[in-house]
């Protein structure tokens, strides 16, 4: 039996056992797909079993480790630290942190895993407080850390966690802070750009231009855009970088259209995207039948309100994925979750799957970077050794009434040499 099949079997068996011991969830809750390991499309050879992390005194269960009252000493839970900016000065950040904590608790409830002991910790939204929170959590027995949210905090706690052999599943989209036991379960622009460029070339486009802001986000998109076009055999006709102010959009849009590109990538969303669209119309993009392409920033209902963006394409999870999750979340918490909340849900669902292993040996690099990947709310994903997350994304078409799936997301990953 393959390891991935064994993992699915164990998860189902545990679910059946628990169902006989605990009451089922309220019938008003719509079912959600829990994280599982999908069958691979092709595997060159059976994958090795997860390596066992060396048992050191610091890694053994200690009497001072955090545990619930009245639990026997022989019952060793999978202690999971959840680091979030719960006391951030920003009200928006605090709201996101609360939603991420709610989604994590919801995932544990849905998994019905008695092995998980969630340890929410406030990282304050600063690197210094994040280090203090991570250190205390590890001292309390955390085997894995989920979070933080911000790249600076992820980078700050990485050496602390690495020294204690504790992996991190963080929410930052900055690939530079990944690797060495830090895994980024996030929507990363590089993956979105690669998917949409690949699909555009398969659809007959070959000459590409891009409108990209002068920002750290824009730098990531620019590198992925140029690499993706050239690797797929296309041509980069023009790249326009601009300051994120509406008055600088017009000249950049005109240059992109004048380049003769048959497809233009727009790495903007929200109000700036609203400014880009009419500028492209004025420049004649519609008359030239220029195909407009977007990044995950387009995954917002406001995108459908701009006529120029109709029939534009972008890569994202299928639109019904978040709708189902949001309904489930709203039923429990009476609020609409932010889009990022699915990351916390999938992170804890993945932890619940891996928690079936032996204590202090379950969250290994080999288990987390299983090349077959996993499937969650937002579709399939897998981690690379550099900490980045590869996702199976759909290509969505912008319509006046919402987004439709133009090219479905894959159900499993092909064999990979990473």
Protein backbone atom coordinates (compact mmCIF):
# COMPACT_ATOMS: atom_id res chain seq x y z
CA UNK A 1 0.00 0.00 0.00
CA UNK A 2 1.35 3.44 -0.89
CA UNK A 3 1.98 5.99 1.83
CA UNK A 4 -0.62 8.38 0.46
CA UNK A 5 -3.25 5.60 0.32
CA UNK A 6 -2.33 4.60 3.85
CA UNK A 7 -2.76 8.20 5.02
CA UNK A 8 -6.22 8.40 3.49
CA UNK A 9 -7.17 5.04 5.00
CA UNK A 10 -6.01 6.04 8.47
CA UNK A 11 -7.89 9.32 8.25
CA UNK A 12 -11.11 7.58 7.25
CA UNK A 13 -10.69 4.92 9.95
CA UNK A 14 -10.15 7.52 12.65
CA UNK A 15 -13.15 9.47 11.39
CA UNK A 16 -15.36 6.38 11.62
CA UNK A 17 -14.09 5.55 15.11
CA UNK A 18 -14.70 9.06 16.36
CA UNK A 19 -18.15 9.14 14.78
CA UNK A 20 -19.12 6.25 17.04
CA UNK A 21 -17.93 8.11 20.13
CA UNK A 22 -19.00 11.71 19.53
CA UNK A 23 -22.23 13.33 18.35
CA UNK A 24 -22.20 14.38 14.69
CA UNK A 25 -21.93 18.07 13.81
CA UNK A 26 -25.18 20.02 13.55
CA UNK A 27 -27.00 19.17 10.31
CA UNK A 28 -27.13 22.86 9.37
CA UNK A 29 -23.37 22.83 8.68
CA UNK A 30 -22.60 22.12 5.01
CA UNK A 31 -19.81 19.55 4.62
CA UNK A 32 -16.35 20.76 3.71
CA UNK A 33 -13.56 18.75 2.08
CA UNK A 34 -10.91 18.06 4.68
CA UNK A 35 -7.27 18.01 3.68
CA UNK A 36 -6.22 14.65 2.27
CA UNK A 37 -3.44 13.26 0.12
CA UNK A 38 -4.70 12.85 -3.48
CA UNK A 39 -3.61 10.02 -5.73
CA UNK A 40 -0.67 11.04 -7.93
CA UNK A 41 -0.93 11.19 -11.70
CA UNK A 42 2.38 9.39 -11.99
CA UNK A 43 5.12 8.34 -9.61
CA UNK A 44 8.51 7.06 -10.66
CA UNK A 45 8.87 4.93 -7.53
CA UNK A 46 7.25 4.46 -4.10
CA UNK A 47 7.98 7.31 -1.74
CA UNK A 48 10.04 6.66 1.40
CA UNK A 49 8.40 6.72 4.79
CA UNK A 50 8.76 9.96 6.77
CA UNK A 51 12.09 10.31 8.50
CA UNK A 52 12.12 10.24 12.26
CA UNK A 53 13.34 13.40 13.89
CA UNK A 54 16.09 12.56 16.38
CA UNK A 55 14.76 12.25 19.92
CA UNK A 56 16.65 14.71 22.07
CA UNK A 57 15.86 15.72 25.66
CA UNK A 58 14.37 18.96 24.32
CA UNK A 59 12.12 17.01 21.93
CA UNK A 60 10.83 14.47 24.45
CA UNK A 61 7.53 15.17 26.20
CA UNK A 62 8.21 17.05 29.42
CA UNK A 63 6.10 17.44 32.59
CA UNK A 64 6.05 21.22 32.11
CA UNK A 65 4.61 20.99 28.59
CA UNK A 66 1.17 22.48 28.20
CA UNK A 67 -1.70 20.00 28.50
CA UNK A 68 -5.36 20.07 29.40
CA UNK A 69 -6.39 19.27 32.95
CA UNK A 70 -7.23 15.70 33.90
CA UNK A 71 -5.49 14.17 30.88
CA UNK A 72 -3.30 11.15 31.61
CA UNK A 73 0.46 11.54 31.24
CA UNK A 74 0.45 8.77 28.64
CA UNK A 75 -1.83 10.84 26.38
CA UNK A 76 0.57 13.03 24.38
CA UNK A 77 -1.32 15.58 22.28
CA UNK A 78 -0.07 17.22 19.11
CA UNK A 79 0.53 20.69 20.48
CA UNK A 80 0.08 23.28 17.73
CA UNK A 81 1.06 26.90 18.30
CA UNK A 82 -1.03 29.41 16.33
CA UNK A 83 0.82 32.73 16.13
CA UNK A 84 -1.37 35.66 15.09
CA UNK A 85 -1.36 39.48 15.56
CA UNK A 86 -4.29 39.38 17.98
CA UNK A 87 -3.26 42.65 19.68
CA UNK A 88 -2.04 44.48 16.57
CA UNK A 89 -2.52 48.28 16.65
CA UNK A 90 -4.39 47.88 13.36
CA UNK A 91 -8.07 47.04 13.70
CA UNK A 92 -7.99 45.40 10.27
CA UNK A 93 -5.10 43.14 11.31
CA UNK A 94 -6.89 42.20 14.53
CA UNK A 95 -10.02 41.30 12.56
CA UNK A 96 -8.01 39.09 10.19
CA UNK A 97 -6.25 37.44 13.13
CA UNK A 98 -9.57 36.67 14.81
CA UNK A 99 -10.92 35.14 11.60
CA UNK A 100 -7.79 33.01 11.18
CA UNK A 101 -8.16 31.74 14.74
CA UNK A 102 -11.83 30.97 14.15
CA UNK A 103 -11.02 29.08 10.94
CA UNK A 104 -8.33 27.06 12.74
CA UNK A 105 -10.78 26.06 15.48
CA UNK A 106 -13.37 25.18 12.82
CA UNK A 107 -10.91 22.88 11.05
CA UNK A 108 -10.12 21.03 14.27
CA UNK A 109 -13.82 20.63 15.00
CA UNK A 110 -14.47 19.30 11.49
CA UNK A 111 -11.50 16.93 11.68
CA UNK A 112 -12.74 15.62 15.05
CA UNK A 113 -9.17 14.93 16.02
CA UNK A 114 -8.70 14.54 19.79
CA UNK A 115 -4.94 14.57 19.24
CA UNK A 116 -4.78 18.30 18.45
CA UNK A 117 -4.16 20.77 21.26
CA UNK A 118 -4.37 24.24 19.75
CA UNK A 119 -2.28 26.90 21.50
CA UNK A 120 -3.22 30.37 20.15
CA UNK A 121 -0.50 32.90 20.91
CA UNK A 122 -0.45 36.66 20.31
CA UNK A 123 2.55 37.79 18.27
CA UNK A 124 1.47 41.46 18.40
CA UNK A 125 2.23 41.91 14.72
CA UNK A 126 5.91 42.67 15.46
CA UNK A 127 9.04 40.53 15.04
CA UNK A 128 10.07 41.01 18.67
CA UNK A 129 6.75 39.85 20.09
CA UNK A 130 6.63 37.02 17.57
CA UNK A 131 9.99 35.70 18.80
CA UNK A 132 8.80 35.85 22.41
CA UNK A 133 5.54 34.07 21.52
CA UNK A 134 7.28 31.38 19.49
CA UNK A 135 9.90 30.75 22.19
CA UNK A 136 7.23 30.39 24.89
CA UNK A 137 5.13 28.11 22.68
CA UNK A 138 8.07 25.80 21.99
CA UNK A 139 8.94 25.80 25.69
CA UNK A 140 5.33 24.72 26.27
CA UNK A 141 5.81 21.76 23.93
CA UNK A 142 4.64 22.99 20.53
CA UNK A 143 5.59 20.46 17.85
CA UNK A 144 4.64 22.76 14.98
CA UNK A 145 3.88 26.45 14.54
CA UNK A 146 1.10 27.76 12.31
CA UNK A 147 1.60 31.44 11.44
CA UNK A 148 2.74 34.17 11.73
CA UNK A 149 0.95 36.33 9.19
CA UNK A 150 3.69 38.86 8.33
CA UNK A 151 6.96 38.12 6.55
CA UNK A 152 9.08 40.05 9.07
CA UNK A 153 7.69 37.98 11.92
CA UNK A 154 8.16 34.72 10.01
CA UNK A 155 11.78 35.63 9.33
CA UNK A 156 12.32 36.55 13.00
CA UNK A 157 11.03 33.29 14.49
CA UNK A 158 12.60 30.97 11.90
CA UNK A 159 16.01 30.66 13.67
CA UNK A 160 14.30 29.98 17.00
CA UNK A 161 12.08 27.24 15.58
CA UNK A 162 14.85 25.76 13.43
CA UNK A 163 17.15 25.40 16.44
CA UNK A 164 14.46 23.42 18.26
CA UNK A 165 13.47 21.28 15.21
CA UNK A 166 9.98 22.80 15.06
CA UNK A 167 8.55 23.35 11.55
CA UNK A 168 6.52 26.44 10.64
CA UNK A 169 3.52 26.70 8.32
CA UNK A 170 3.19 30.44 7.81
CA UNK A 171 0.75 32.66 5.93
CA UNK A 172 3.20 35.09 4.32
CA UNK A 173 3.34 35.19 0.51
CA UNK A 174 6.97 36.37 0.51
CA UNK A 175 8.99 33.42 -0.81
CA UNK A 176 12.22 34.89 0.52
CA UNK A 177 11.29 33.92 4.11
CA UNK A 178 10.58 30.28 3.23
CA UNK A 179 12.89 27.28 3.42
CA UNK A 180 14.78 25.53 6.17
CA UNK A 181 11.65 24.20 7.83
CA UNK A 182 9.49 27.24 7.02
CA UNK A 183 6.58 26.46 4.68
CA UNK A 184 4.37 29.15 3.19
CA UNK A 185 0.74 28.13 2.80
CA UNK A 186 -0.33 31.25 0.95
CA UNK A 187 -1.53 32.52 -2.40
CA UNK A 188 1.78 33.33 -4.06
CA UNK A 189 1.77 35.55 -7.15
CA UNK A 190 4.48 33.51 -8.86
CA UNK A 191 2.18 30.46 -9.03
CA UNK A 192 -0.73 32.55 -10.32
CA UNK A 193 1.37 34.19 -13.05
CA UNK A 194 2.87 30.90 -14.21
CA UNK A 195 -0.59 29.32 -14.50
CA UNK A 196 -2.23 32.16 -16.45
CA UNK A 197 0.70 32.64 -18.83
CA UNK A 198 0.87 28.91 -19.52
CA UNK A 199 -2.85 28.81 -20.28
CA UNK A 200 -2.69 31.90 -22.51
CA UNK A 201 0.09 30.34 -24.59
CA UNK A 202 -1.87 27.08 -24.86
CA UNK A 203 -4.80 29.19 -26.09
CA UNK A 204 -2.77 30.66 -28.95
CA UNK A 205 -1.26 33.82 -27.51
CA UNK A 206 2.46 34.38 -28.00
CA UNK A 207 3.25 38.10 -27.63
CA UNK A 208 2.94 39.46 -24.10
CA UNK A 209 3.07 42.82 -22.35
CA UNK A 210 2.63 43.54 -18.65
CA UNK A 211 1.51 46.44 -16.47
CA UNK A 212 3.25 45.97 -13.12
CA UNK A 213 3.48 48.38 -10.16
CA UNK A 214 6.75 49.47 -8.61
CA UNK A 215 6.35 47.51 -5.37
CA UNK A 216 7.68 44.35 -3.74
CA UNK A 217 4.59 42.55 -5.05
CA UNK A 218 5.32 43.91 -8.52
CA UNK A 219 8.91 42.65 -8.34
CA UNK A 220 7.67 39.10 -7.73
CA UNK A 221 5.16 39.33 -10.57
CA UNK A 222 7.75 40.78 -12.96
CA UNK A 223 10.22 37.96 -12.40
CA UNK A 224 7.55 35.28 -12.72
CA UNK A 225 6.08 36.94 -15.83
CA UNK A 226 9.31 37.10 -17.76
CA UNK A 227 10.42 33.61 -16.73
CA UNK A 228 7.04 32.07 -17.54
CA UNK A 229 6.74 33.66 -20.96
CA UNK A 230 10.23 32.68 -22.06
CA UNK A 231 10.06 29.15 -20.64
CA UNK A 232 6.75 28.55 -22.44
CA UNK A 233 8.17 29.78 -25.76
CA UNK A 234 6.44 33.16 -25.87
CA UNK A 235 7.82 36.67 -26.40
CA UNK A 236 7.94 39.57 -23.95
CA UNK A 237 6.95 42.59 -26.02
CA UNK A 238 6.89 45.14 -23.20
CA UNK A 239 6.94 45.51 -19.42
CA UNK A 240 5.66 48.77 -17.98
CA UNK A 241 6.46 49.53 -14.34
CA UNK A 242 4.66 52.46 -12.71
CA UNK A 243 4.07 54.17 -9.39
CA UNK A 244 0.76 53.15 -7.87
CA UNK A 245 -1.07 56.39 -8.58
CA UNK A 246 -3.88 56.63 -11.17
CA UNK A 247 -2.23 59.49 -13.08
CA UNK A 248 0.70 57.24 -14.04
CA UNK A 249 -1.49 54.51 -15.52
CA UNK A 250 -2.40 56.18 -18.82
CA UNK A 251 1.08 56.40 -20.40
CA UNK A 252 1.97 52.87 -19.25
CA UNK A 253 -1.24 51.46 -20.73
CA UNK A 254 -0.62 53.23 -24.04
CA UNK A 255 2.89 51.80 -24.29
CA UNK A 256 1.68 48.28 -23.50
CA UNK A 257 -0.94 48.41 -26.26
CA UNK A 258 1.45 50.05 -28.75
CA UNK A 259 3.90 47.17 -28.23
CA UNK A 260 1.68 44.98 -30.39
CA UNK A 261 1.18 42.40 -27.64
CA UNK A 262 -1.80 40.09 -28.11
CA UNK A 263 -2.13 39.61 -24.34
CA UNK A 264 -1.50 42.05 -21.47
CA UNK A 265 -1.00 41.00 -17.85
CA UNK A 266 -2.32 43.52 -15.31
CA UNK A 267 -0.86 43.03 -11.82
CA UNK A 268 -3.37 45.23 -10.02
CA UNK A 269 -6.65 44.93 -8.16
CA UNK A 270 -9.22 47.16 -6.51
CA UNK A 271 -9.18 50.92 -7.24
CA UNK A 272 -5.94 50.75 -9.24
CA UNK A 273 -7.40 48.07 -11.50
CA UNK A 274 -10.41 50.34 -11.99
CA UNK A 275 -7.99 53.01 -13.24
CA UNK A 276 -6.08 50.64 -15.54
CA UNK A 277 -9.11 49.31 -17.43
CA UNK A 278 -10.36 52.60 -18.97
CA UNK A 279 -6.79 53.58 -19.80
CA UNK A 280 -6.44 50.40 -21.85
CA UNK A 281 -9.75 51.13 -23.56
CA UNK A 282 -8.58 54.59 -24.52
CA UNK A 283 -5.31 53.12 -25.81
CA UNK A 284 -7.28 50.83 -28.15
CA UNK A 285 -6.82 47.45 -26.47
CA UNK A 286 -10.40 46.44 -27.22
CA UNK A 287 -10.13 47.35 -30.89
CA UNK A 288 -7.02 45.16 -31.18
CA UNK A 289 -8.76 42.23 -29.44
CA UNK A 290 -6.04 42.24 -26.81
CA UNK A 291 -6.57 39.49 -24.24
CA UNK A 292 -6.39 40.87 -20.69
CA UNK A 293 -4.83 38.68 -18.02
CA UNK A 294 -4.77 39.12 -14.26
CA UNK A 295 -3.29 37.85 -11.02
CA UNK A 296 -5.06 36.73 -7.85
CA UNK A 297 -5.76 40.40 -7.09
CA UNK A 298 -8.59 40.10 -9.59
CA UNK A 299 -10.35 37.60 -7.31
CA UNK A 300 -12.72 40.27 -6.02
CA UNK A 301 -16.36 40.95 -6.90
CA UNK A 302 -15.50 44.53 -7.91
CA UNK A 303 -13.57 43.18 -10.91
CA UNK A 304 -16.84 42.20 -12.57
CA UNK A 305 -18.12 45.79 -12.50
CA UNK A 306 -15.63 47.08 -15.09
CA UNK A 307 -16.83 46.46 -18.69
CA UNK A 308 -13.28 46.55 -20.10
CA UNK A 309 -12.34 43.55 -17.97
CA UNK A 310 -15.18 41.37 -19.28
CA UNK A 311 -13.78 38.10 -20.67
CA UNK A 312 -10.45 38.74 -18.97
CA UNK A 313 -8.69 35.69 -17.52
CA UNK A 314 -6.91 35.11 -14.23
CA UNK A 315 -5.76 32.13 -12.14
CA UNK A 316 -7.34 31.39 -8.77
CA UNK A 317 -9.09 28.63 -6.84
CA UNK A 318 -12.53 27.72 -8.24
CA UNK A 319 -15.08 30.39 -7.19
CA UNK A 320 -17.36 27.91 -5.41
CA UNK A 321 -14.53 26.83 -3.07
CA UNK A 322 -14.64 29.97 -0.96
CA UNK A 323 -18.43 30.26 -1.22
CA UNK A 324 -18.87 26.86 0.42
CA UNK A 325 -16.35 27.65 3.14
CA UNK A 326 -17.86 31.09 3.81
CA UNK A 327 -21.31 29.56 4.26
CA UNK A 328 -19.90 27.02 6.72
CA UNK A 329 -17.99 29.72 8.62
CA UNK A 330 -20.97 32.09 8.73
CA UNK A 331 -23.21 29.34 10.09
CA UNK A 332 -20.88 28.87 13.05
CA UNK A 333 -19.62 32.40 13.73
CA UNK A 334 -22.33 34.62 12.25
CA UNK A 335 -19.86 36.60 10.17
CA UNK A 336 -18.39 36.59 6.67
CA UNK A 337 -14.73 35.47 6.75
CA UNK A 338 -11.96 37.26 4.86
CA UNK A 339 -10.64 35.41 1.81
CA UNK A 340 -7.42 34.49 3.65
CA UNK A 341 -9.32 32.48 6.29
CA UNK A 342 -9.21 29.32 4.15
CA UNK A 343 -5.43 29.24 4.64
CA UNK A 344 -5.81 28.77 8.38
CA UNK A 345 -8.48 26.13 7.89
CA UNK A 346 -6.33 24.14 5.46
CA UNK A 347 -3.23 24.51 7.65
CA UNK A 348 -4.96 22.99 10.68
CA UNK A 349 -6.67 20.33 8.58
CA UNK A 350 -3.23 19.34 7.26
CA UNK A 351 -1.87 19.28 10.80
CA UNK A 352 -4.78 17.04 11.82
CA UNK A 353 -3.88 14.60 9.04
CA UNK A 354 -0.19 14.47 9.97
CA UNK A 355 -0.98 14.31 13.71
CA UNK A 356 -1.72 10.62 13.33
CA UNK A 357 2.02 9.93 13.47
CA UNK A 358 4.04 9.22 16.63
CA UNK A 359 4.52 12.14 19.04
CA UNK A 360 7.42 14.46 18.22
CA UNK A 361 8.01 12.55 14.97
CA UNK A 362 4.90 13.41 12.96
CA UNK A 363 5.64 16.80 11.42
CA UNK A 364 8.76 15.90 9.45
CA UNK A 365 10.09 17.55 6.31
CA UNK A 366 9.37 14.42 4.30
CA UNK A 367 5.75 14.30 5.45
CA UNK A 368 5.15 18.01 4.82
CA UNK A 369 6.84 18.01 1.39
CA UNK A 370 5.08 14.89 0.12
CA UNK A 371 5.37 15.33 -3.69
CA UNK A 372 1.84 13.98 -4.12
CA UNK A 373 0.64 17.04 -2.25
CA UNK A 374 -2.62 17.52 -0.40
CA UNK A 375 -6.10 18.71 -1.23
CA UNK A 376 -8.02 21.27 0.79
CA UNK A 377 -10.61 24.02 0.53
CA UNK A 378 -8.70 25.87 -2.20
CA UNK A 379 -7.79 22.73 -4.14
CA UNK A 380 -4.55 20.79 -4.31
CA UNK A 381 -1.28 22.14 -2.93
CA UNK A 382 2.18 20.88 -2.14
CA UNK A 383 5.25 22.35 -0.53
CA UNK A 384 8.64 22.57 -2.20
CA UNK A 385 11.84 22.22 -0.16
CA UNK A 386 12.37 25.99 -0.48
CA UNK A 387 9.16 26.48 1.50
CA UNK A 388 7.03 27.75 -1.37
CA UNK A 389 3.60 26.30 -2.07
CA UNK A 390 2.62 25.05 -5.49
CA UNK A 391 -1.12 25.14 -6.10
CA UNK A 392 -3.45 23.61 -8.62
CA UNK A 393 -5.37 26.69 -9.79
CA UNK A 394 -8.28 27.11 -12.16
CA UNK A 395 -8.37 29.73 -14.91
CA UNK A 396 -11.38 31.97 -14.34
CA UNK A 397 -13.22 34.15 -16.85
CA UNK A 398 -14.59 37.54 -15.80
CA UNK A 399 -18.28 37.96 -16.54
CA UNK A 400 -20.81 40.64 -15.70
CA UNK A 401 -22.48 38.30 -13.20
CA UNK A 402 -19.36 36.83 -11.64
CA UNK A 403 -16.52 34.47 -12.44
CA UNK A 404 -16.82 31.26 -14.41
CA UNK A 405 -14.32 28.44 -14.77
CA UNK A 406 -12.65 28.51 -18.16
CA UNK A 407 -10.08 25.81 -17.41
CA UNK A 408 -10.62 23.57 -14.36
CA UNK A 409 -8.06 23.20 -11.60
CA UNK A 410 -6.16 19.89 -11.69
CA UNK A 411 -7.17 17.20 -9.21
CA UNK A 412 -3.66 15.84 -8.65
CA UNK A 413 -0.06 16.79 -9.35
CA UNK A 414 2.09 15.17 -12.00
CA UNK A 415 5.31 13.49 -10.92
CA UNK A 416 7.94 15.99 -9.88
CA UNK A 417 11.68 15.79 -9.53
CA UNK A 418 11.85 18.21 -6.60
